[in-house]
Amino acid sequence: MSIGYERRWETRRQAGRSAADEARDSYYGLPAIHKPHWKWSIVLYFFLGGISGASYVVATLARLFGGPEMRPVARAGRYLSFLTVLPGPLLLIYDLGRPERFHHMLRVLKLRSPMSLGVWGLIAFSLFSGLSALIQAAQDGLLGRRGPARLLRAMPDRLVGLLGSGPAFFLSGYTGVLLAATAVPLWTKNFLLLGPLFLSSALSNAVAALFLLLSATRQAGSQALERLERLDRLALLAELALLFGLRANSGPVIGRPLDEGRLGQAFRGVLGAGVVAPLLLQALARGRHSGMAQALRLLVGLLVLAGGFLLRYVMVFAGHRSADDPQATFELARKR
């Protein structure tokens, strides 16, 4: 303990505060809990996993109910889902530090452990995503016309997509639940909001990515793109409401990391550039000629993706700061 801190502590005691009062109210300025070790690899895993699961769900819905004009959406969604799920195990292994730790997590399924359920959910979804991508590649003629390709084309792709939508939906939102299942005050206080928030953000990110891909390749008609835009608008509105709800529910003490410093600026950036601006630009694009409208919609897609990544960055590292704040921990204990 430094001399300067000893003097400050002694001054407080001389002002009439006992050691018990000091420990109860401030924990002597030290963190009351251990903060999680998650870094950038987990932020990227949350971001790509959300896009992967949500794009699979969008592809399945487009295949089941979209009709012929939505077939390009289903096709792009299957490929996008597979490509974005591939880095998932690698990012988890990198975060764990040693590959054998990831192997050990597959030795047993713990139903009460969000981490264990998440790993098994990722594995299950990866199998469905890979199978759907192979079926799509066979249907596109990328695997030839004989042998395994013929068997893949004969498989019921709609049924596979429907069965895979369960783990896809789980992967899209469980990351928020994983955060809430800790003792970190900011995450625990919003345990009912983080799952839906990450789910709505994953949906808006996936739709934005699909819109950019289909616009760049010009494989989808205007009707399919308009339906994607409407879905993105609904997801963004839900995300906006959940963000306001999360900030209001956090309160002034627990929600302090969302207001102060760079994280506060980043959180306001999520709200402004990642959600509000895309909604305004979408409304502006509806009244413009085709060239200007297309440029605005492409900008919307880029802003939504940037906002989705920034949201996960803010929530992970604001959780770190919340865990380091003993006042937030005691505030959460008093609320309970």
Protein backbone atom coordinates (compact mmCIF):
# COMPACT_ATOMS: atom_id res chain seq x y z
CA MET A 1 0.00 0.00 0.00
CA SER A 2 1.52 3.32 -1.05
CA ILE A 3 2.22 6.15 1.42
CA GLY A 4 -0.17 8.47 -0.42
CA TYR A 5 -3.01 5.97 -0.17
CA GLU A 6 -2.27 5.37 3.53
CA ARG A 7 -2.62 9.07 4.17
CA ARG A 8 -5.91 9.34 2.30
CA TRP A 9 -7.26 6.31 4.15
CA GLU A 10 -6.16 7.73 7.51
CA THR A 11 -7.75 11.08 6.69
CA ARG A 12 -11.08 9.40 6.03
CA ARG A 13 -10.87 7.50 9.31
CA GLN A 14 -10.09 10.68 11.18
CA ALA A 15 -13.19 12.25 9.63
CA GLY A 16 -15.31 9.77 11.58
CA ARG A 17 -15.40 6.77 9.21
CA SER A 18 -14.50 3.42 10.72
CA ALA A 19 -12.55 0.72 8.88
CA ALA A 20 -15.75 -1.33 8.59
CA ASP A 21 -17.54 1.61 6.96
CA GLU A 22 -14.64 2.11 4.55
CA ALA A 23 -14.61 -1.54 3.55
CA ARG A 24 -18.37 -1.69 3.09
CA ASP A 25 -18.65 1.46 0.97
CA SER A 26 -15.48 1.53 -1.10
CA TYR A 27 -13.50 -1.68 -0.53
CA TYR A 28 -10.51 0.65 -0.02
CA GLY A 29 -10.66 1.58 -3.71
CA LEU A 30 -9.78 -1.97 -4.82
CA PRO A 31 -11.94 -4.14 -7.12
CA ALA A 32 -14.33 -6.33 -5.18
CA ILE A 33 -14.45 -8.99 -7.92
CA HIS A 34 -12.11 -10.34 -10.56
CA LYS A 35 -12.75 -8.96 -14.03
CA PRO A 36 -12.99 -11.35 -17.01
CA HIS A 37 -9.91 -11.79 -19.16
CA TRP A 38 -11.74 -11.50 -22.50
CA LYS A 39 -9.99 -9.34 -25.09
CA TRP A 40 -10.34 -8.47 -28.78
CA SER A 41 -10.56 -12.09 -29.91
CA ILE A 42 -13.81 -12.53 -27.99
CA VAL A 43 -15.21 -9.27 -29.36
CA LEU A 44 -14.54 -10.53 -32.88
CA TYR A 45 -15.99 -13.94 -32.01
CA PHE A 46 -19.19 -12.33 -30.71
CA PHE A 47 -19.46 -10.21 -33.86
CA LEU A 48 -18.83 -12.97 -36.43
CA GLY A 49 -20.87 -15.54 -34.50
CA GLY A 50 -23.86 -13.23 -34.42
CA ILE A 51 -23.67 -12.63 -38.17
CA SER A 52 -23.25 -16.33 -38.85
CA GLY A 53 -26.26 -17.46 -36.82
CA ALA A 54 -28.56 -14.65 -37.94
CA SER A 55 -27.67 -14.99 -41.63
CA TYR A 56 -28.48 -18.71 -41.42
CA VAL A 57 -31.88 -17.92 -39.95
CA VAL A 58 -32.54 -15.29 -42.64
CA ALA A 59 -31.48 -17.76 -45.34
CA THR A 60 -33.80 -20.43 -43.95
CA LEU A 61 -36.78 -18.06 -43.78
CA ALA A 62 -36.06 -16.86 -47.32
CA ARG A 63 -35.97 -20.46 -48.57
CA LEU A 64 -39.13 -21.50 -46.72
CA PHE A 65 -41.37 -18.50 -47.28
CA GLY A 66 -39.65 -16.13 -49.70
CA GLY A 67 -40.55 -17.53 -53.07
CA PRO A 68 -38.34 -17.48 -56.17
CA GLU A 69 -37.30 -13.83 -55.77
CA MET A 70 -35.73 -14.61 -52.38
CA ARG A 71 -33.62 -17.53 -53.57
CA PRO A 72 -30.52 -15.29 -53.96
CA VAL A 73 -30.94 -14.25 -50.31
CA ALA A 74 -31.07 -17.89 -49.21
CA ARG A 75 -28.03 -18.72 -51.32
CA ALA A 76 -25.95 -15.80 -50.04
CA GLY A 77 -27.08 -16.39 -46.46
CA ARG A 78 -25.85 -20.00 -46.47
CA TYR A 79 -22.43 -19.07 -47.79
CA LEU A 80 -22.10 -16.08 -45.48
CA SER A 81 -23.10 -18.17 -42.47
CA PHE A 82 -20.46 -20.80 -43.24
CA LEU A 83 -17.66 -18.30 -43.88
CA THR A 84 -18.30 -16.33 -40.70
CA VAL A 85 -18.57 -19.39 -38.44
CA LEU A 86 -15.21 -20.81 -39.54
CA PRO A 87 -13.07 -18.45 -37.38
CA GLY A 88 -15.17 -19.19 -34.27
CA PRO A 89 -13.27 -22.23 -32.90
CA LEU A 90 -9.92 -20.63 -33.77
CA LEU A 91 -10.81 -17.43 -31.88
CA LEU A 92 -11.95 -19.44 -28.85
CA ILE A 93 -8.77 -21.51 -28.87
CA TYR A 94 -6.70 -18.33 -29.12
CA ASP A 95 -8.58 -16.83 -26.18
CA LEU A 96 -8.12 -19.95 -24.06
CA GLY A 97 -4.38 -19.84 -24.71
CA ARG A 98 -3.82 -23.56 -25.32
CA PRO A 99 -5.65 -25.83 -27.83
CA GLU A 100 -6.07 -28.62 -25.30
CA ARG A 101 -8.31 -26.38 -23.18
CA PHE A 102 -10.83 -26.24 -26.02
CA HIS A 103 -10.63 -30.03 -26.30
CA HIS A 104 -11.26 -30.40 -22.56
CA MET A 105 -14.45 -28.32 -22.86
CA LEU A 106 -15.80 -30.90 -25.33
CA ARG A 107 -15.29 -33.78 -22.92
CA VAL A 108 -18.44 -32.96 -20.95
CA LEU A 109 -21.64 -30.97 -21.42
CA LYS A 110 -22.54 -28.80 -18.42
CA LEU A 111 -26.12 -27.64 -18.72
CA ARG A 112 -25.63 -24.98 -16.05
CA SER A 113 -22.54 -23.52 -17.72
CA PRO A 114 -23.20 -20.90 -20.44
CA MET A 115 -19.63 -21.36 -21.65
CA SER A 116 -20.06 -25.12 -22.06
CA LEU A 117 -23.44 -24.71 -23.76
CA GLY A 118 -21.94 -22.06 -26.03
CA VAL A 119 -19.10 -24.30 -27.20
CA TRP A 120 -21.45 -27.20 -27.92
CA GLY A 121 -23.92 -24.86 -29.59
CA LEU A 122 -21.12 -23.56 -31.81
CA ILE A 123 -20.12 -27.10 -32.78
CA ALA A 124 -23.71 -28.14 -33.54
CA PHE A 125 -24.38 -25.04 -35.57
CA SER A 126 -21.09 -25.40 -37.48
CA LEU A 127 -22.21 -28.84 -38.66
CA PHE A 128 -25.55 -27.54 -39.93
CA SER A 129 -23.96 -24.46 -41.48
CA GLY A 130 -21.33 -26.54 -43.25
CA LEU A 131 -23.91 -29.01 -44.53
CA SER A 132 -26.18 -26.25 -45.85
CA ALA A 133 -23.23 -24.60 -47.58
CA LEU A 134 -22.29 -27.91 -49.21
CA ILE A 135 -25.87 -28.46 -50.37
CA GLN A 136 -25.93 -24.97 -51.84
CA ALA A 137 -22.58 -25.52 -53.56
CA ALA A 138 -23.88 -28.77 -55.06
CA GLN A 139 -27.03 -27.02 -56.27
CA ASP A 140 -24.86 -24.32 -57.85
CA GLY A 141 -22.80 -26.93 -59.67
CA LEU A 142 -19.59 -26.09 -57.83
CA LEU A 143 -19.01 -29.72 -56.77
CA GLY A 144 -19.64 -31.37 -60.10
CA ARG A 145 -22.60 -33.47 -61.13
CA ARG A 146 -21.80 -36.96 -59.90
CA GLY A 147 -20.99 -38.85 -56.73
CA PRO A 148 -21.30 -36.88 -53.49
CA ALA A 149 -22.67 -33.84 -55.32
CA ARG A 150 -25.67 -35.85 -56.49
CA LEU A 151 -26.35 -37.03 -52.92
CA LEU A 152 -26.12 -33.48 -51.61
CA ARG A 153 -28.57 -32.18 -54.22
CA ALA A 154 -31.02 -34.90 -53.20
CA MET A 155 -30.99 -33.83 -49.54
CA PRO A 156 -33.97 -31.83 -48.22
CA ASP A 157 -32.31 -28.45 -47.87
CA ARG A 158 -35.40 -26.85 -46.34
CA LEU A 159 -35.55 -29.45 -43.57
CA VAL A 160 -31.83 -29.11 -42.90
CA GLY A 161 -32.22 -25.34 -42.67
CA LEU A 162 -35.19 -25.65 -40.33
CA LEU A 163 -33.33 -28.02 -38.00
CA GLY A 164 -30.24 -25.83 -38.07
CA SER A 165 -32.18 -22.68 -37.21
CA GLY A 166 -32.38 -23.77 -33.56
CA PRO A 167 -28.62 -23.70 -32.90
CA ALA A 168 -28.33 -20.70 -35.25
CA PHE A 169 -30.82 -18.73 -33.17
CA PHE A 170 -28.99 -19.83 -30.03
CA LEU A 171 -25.60 -18.70 -31.37
CA SER A 172 -26.99 -15.30 -32.34
CA GLY A 173 -28.11 -14.38 -28.83
CA TYR A 174 -26.32 -16.60 -26.32
CA THR A 175 -23.26 -14.34 -26.21
CA GLY A 176 -25.34 -11.73 -24.41
CA VAL A 177 -26.58 -14.38 -21.99
CA LEU A 178 -22.97 -15.48 -21.46
CA LEU A 179 -22.05 -11.98 -20.30
CA ALA A 180 -25.06 -11.79 -18.01
CA ALA A 181 -24.14 -15.08 -16.30
CA THR A 182 -21.17 -13.45 -14.55
CA ALA A 183 -20.76 -11.30 -11.44
CA VAL A 184 -19.82 -8.20 -13.46
CA PRO A 185 -22.27 -5.47 -12.29
CA LEU A 186 -23.02 -3.94 -15.72
CA TRP A 187 -23.73 -7.32 -17.26
CA THR A 188 -25.61 -8.85 -14.33
CA LYS A 189 -27.83 -5.80 -13.88
CA ASN A 190 -29.00 -6.16 -17.51
CA PHE A 191 -29.31 -9.93 -17.65
CA LEU A 192 -32.79 -9.72 -19.21
CA LEU A 193 -31.70 -7.25 -21.91
CA LEU A 194 -28.33 -8.48 -23.13
CA GLY A 195 -29.62 -11.58 -24.89
CA PRO A 196 -32.33 -9.75 -26.90
CA LEU A 197 -29.89 -6.87 -27.56
CA PHE A 198 -27.23 -9.13 -29.03
CA LEU A 199 -29.89 -11.02 -30.99
CA SER A 200 -31.39 -7.90 -32.58
CA SER A 201 -27.91 -6.56 -33.31
CA ALA A 202 -26.88 -9.85 -34.90
CA LEU A 203 -29.97 -9.74 -37.12
CA SER A 204 -29.32 -6.16 -38.25
CA ASN A 205 -25.64 -7.00 -38.90
CA ALA A 206 -26.48 -10.11 -40.91
CA VAL A 207 -29.08 -8.32 -43.01
CA ALA A 208 -26.67 -5.44 -43.64
CA ALA A 209 -23.94 -7.86 -44.73
CA LEU A 210 -26.35 -9.70 -47.03
CA PHE A 211 -27.55 -6.42 -48.52
CA LEU A 212 -23.97 -5.36 -49.27
CA LEU A 213 -23.10 -8.73 -50.81
CA LEU A 214 -26.20 -8.90 -52.99
CA SER A 215 -25.86 -5.28 -54.05
CA ALA A 216 -22.21 -5.75 -55.00
CA THR A 217 -22.89 -8.92 -57.01
CA ARG A 218 -26.26 -7.71 -58.37
CA GLN A 219 -27.77 -11.16 -57.86
CA ALA A 220 -30.99 -10.06 -56.15
CA GLY A 221 -33.89 -8.05 -57.49
CA SER A 222 -35.23 -4.85 -56.05
CA GLN A 223 -38.08 -6.64 -54.27
CA ALA A 224 -35.68 -8.90 -52.34
CA LEU A 225 -33.50 -5.94 -51.36
CA GLU A 226 -36.53 -3.97 -50.19
CA ARG A 227 -37.62 -6.86 -47.98
CA LEU A 228 -34.14 -7.05 -46.48
CA GLU A 229 -34.24 -3.30 -45.85
CA ARG A 230 -37.56 -3.59 -44.00
CA LEU A 231 -36.20 -6.41 -41.86
CA ASP A 232 -33.09 -4.38 -41.09
CA ARG A 233 -35.24 -1.43 -40.06
CA LEU A 234 -37.23 -3.55 -37.61
CA ALA A 235 -34.06 -5.00 -36.12
CA LEU A 236 -32.52 -1.54 -35.73
CA LEU A 237 -35.62 -0.19 -34.00
CA ALA A 238 -35.58 -3.11 -31.57
CA GLU A 239 -31.86 -2.57 -30.97
CA LEU A 240 -32.41 1.14 -30.31
CA ALA A 241 -35.14 0.46 -27.75
CA LEU A 242 -32.99 -2.15 -26.00
CA LEU A 243 -29.97 0.17 -25.86
CA PHE A 244 -32.02 2.91 -24.22
CA GLY A 245 -33.51 0.35 -21.86
CA LEU A 246 -30.08 -0.98 -20.93
CA ARG A 247 -28.72 2.48 -20.18
CA ALA A 248 -31.75 3.46 -18.10
CA ASN A 249 -31.71 0.15 -16.20
CA SER A 250 -27.99 0.45 -15.39
CA GLY A 251 -28.41 3.62 -13.33
CA PRO A 252 -25.80 6.32 -12.67
CA VAL A 253 -23.29 4.12 -10.81
CA ILE A 254 -23.36 0.80 -12.64
CA GLY A 255 -23.81 2.53 -15.99
CA ARG A 256 -20.88 4.90 -15.44
CA PRO A 257 -18.60 3.16 -18.02
CA LEU A 258 -21.21 3.91 -20.69
CA ASP A 259 -20.98 7.65 -20.00
CA GLU A 260 -17.34 8.42 -19.32
CA GLY A 261 -14.14 8.41 -21.35
CA ARG A 262 -13.57 6.61 -24.61
CA LEU A 263 -16.10 3.90 -23.82
CA GLY A 264 -18.75 6.56 -23.28
CA GLN A 265 -17.89 8.09 -26.64
CA ALA A 266 -18.01 4.66 -28.25
CA PHE A 267 -21.42 3.92 -26.71
CA ARG A 268 -22.78 7.19 -28.06
CA GLY A 269 -21.25 6.22 -31.40
CA VAL A 270 -23.19 2.95 -31.34
CA LEU A 271 -26.41 4.85 -30.73
CA GLY A 272 -25.74 7.65 -33.21
CA ALA A 273 -23.70 6.25 -36.08
CA GLY A 274 -24.64 2.58 -35.66
CA VAL A 275 -28.42 2.82 -35.16
CA VAL A 276 -29.97 6.29 -35.47
CA ALA A 277 -28.02 7.38 -38.56
CA PRO A 278 -28.86 4.19 -40.53
CA LEU A 279 -32.55 4.63 -39.70
CA LEU A 280 -32.47 8.24 -40.90
CA LEU A 281 -30.53 7.35 -44.04
CA GLN A 282 -33.00 4.60 -44.87
CA ALA A 283 -35.84 7.10 -44.62
CA LEU A 284 -33.89 9.56 -46.78
CA ALA A 285 -33.13 6.91 -49.41
CA ARG A 286 -36.82 6.21 -49.98
CA GLY A 287 -37.31 9.68 -51.46
CA ARG A 288 -34.25 9.75 -53.74
CA HIS A 289 -33.51 8.66 -57.28
CA SER A 290 -32.01 5.23 -57.82
CA GLY A 291 -28.31 6.20 -57.90
CA MET A 292 -28.42 8.32 -54.74
CA ALA A 293 -30.68 5.83 -52.97
CA GLN A 294 -28.28 2.97 -53.71
CA ALA A 295 -25.33 4.94 -52.34
CA LEU A 296 -27.26 5.77 -49.16
CA ARG A 297 -28.25 2.14 -48.67
CA LEU A 298 -24.66 0.98 -49.07
CA LEU A 299 -23.63 3.54 -46.45
CA VAL A 300 -26.36 2.19 -44.18
CA GLY A 301 -24.94 -1.30 -44.46
CA LEU A 302 -21.42 -0.16 -43.60
CA LEU A 303 -22.62 1.89 -40.62
CA VAL A 304 -24.70 -0.98 -39.25
CA LEU A 305 -21.76 -3.39 -39.42
CA ALA A 306 -19.42 -0.89 -37.78
CA GLY A 307 -22.01 -0.22 -35.08
CA GLY A 308 -22.47 -3.94 -34.44
CA PHE A 309 -18.77 -4.49 -33.89
CA LEU A 310 -18.52 -1.36 -31.76
CA LEU A 311 -21.45 -2.50 -29.61
CA ARG A 312 -19.68 -5.70 -28.68
CA TYR A 313 -16.44 -3.84 -28.02
CA VAL A 314 -18.25 -1.43 -25.70
CA MET A 315 -20.11 -4.12 -23.78
CA VAL A 316 -17.03 -6.30 -23.23
CA PHE A 317 -14.64 -3.55 -22.14
CA ALA A 318 -17.28 -1.58 -20.23
CA GLY A 319 -17.78 -4.81 -18.30
CA HIS A 320 -14.07 -4.80 -17.48
CA ARG A 321 -14.33 -1.29 -16.11
CA SER A 322 -17.50 -2.14 -14.20
CA ALA A 323 -15.75 -5.08 -12.54
CA ASP A 324 -12.89 -2.79 -11.50
CA ASP A 325 -15.29 -0.37 -9.82
CA PRO A 326 -16.07 -1.50 -6.22
CA GLN A 327 -18.89 1.05 -5.97
CA ALA A 328 -20.69 -0.68 -8.85
CA THR A 329 -20.39 -4.03 -7.09
CA PHE A 330 -21.80 -2.66 -3.83
CA GLU A 331 -24.53 -0.82 -5.71
CA LEU A 332 -25.59 -4.08 -7.36
CA ALA A 333 -25.58 -5.83 -3.96
CA ARG A 334 -27.79 -3.11 -2.46
CA LYS A 335 -30.26 -3.37 -5.34
CA ARG A 336 -30.66 -7.06 -4.63
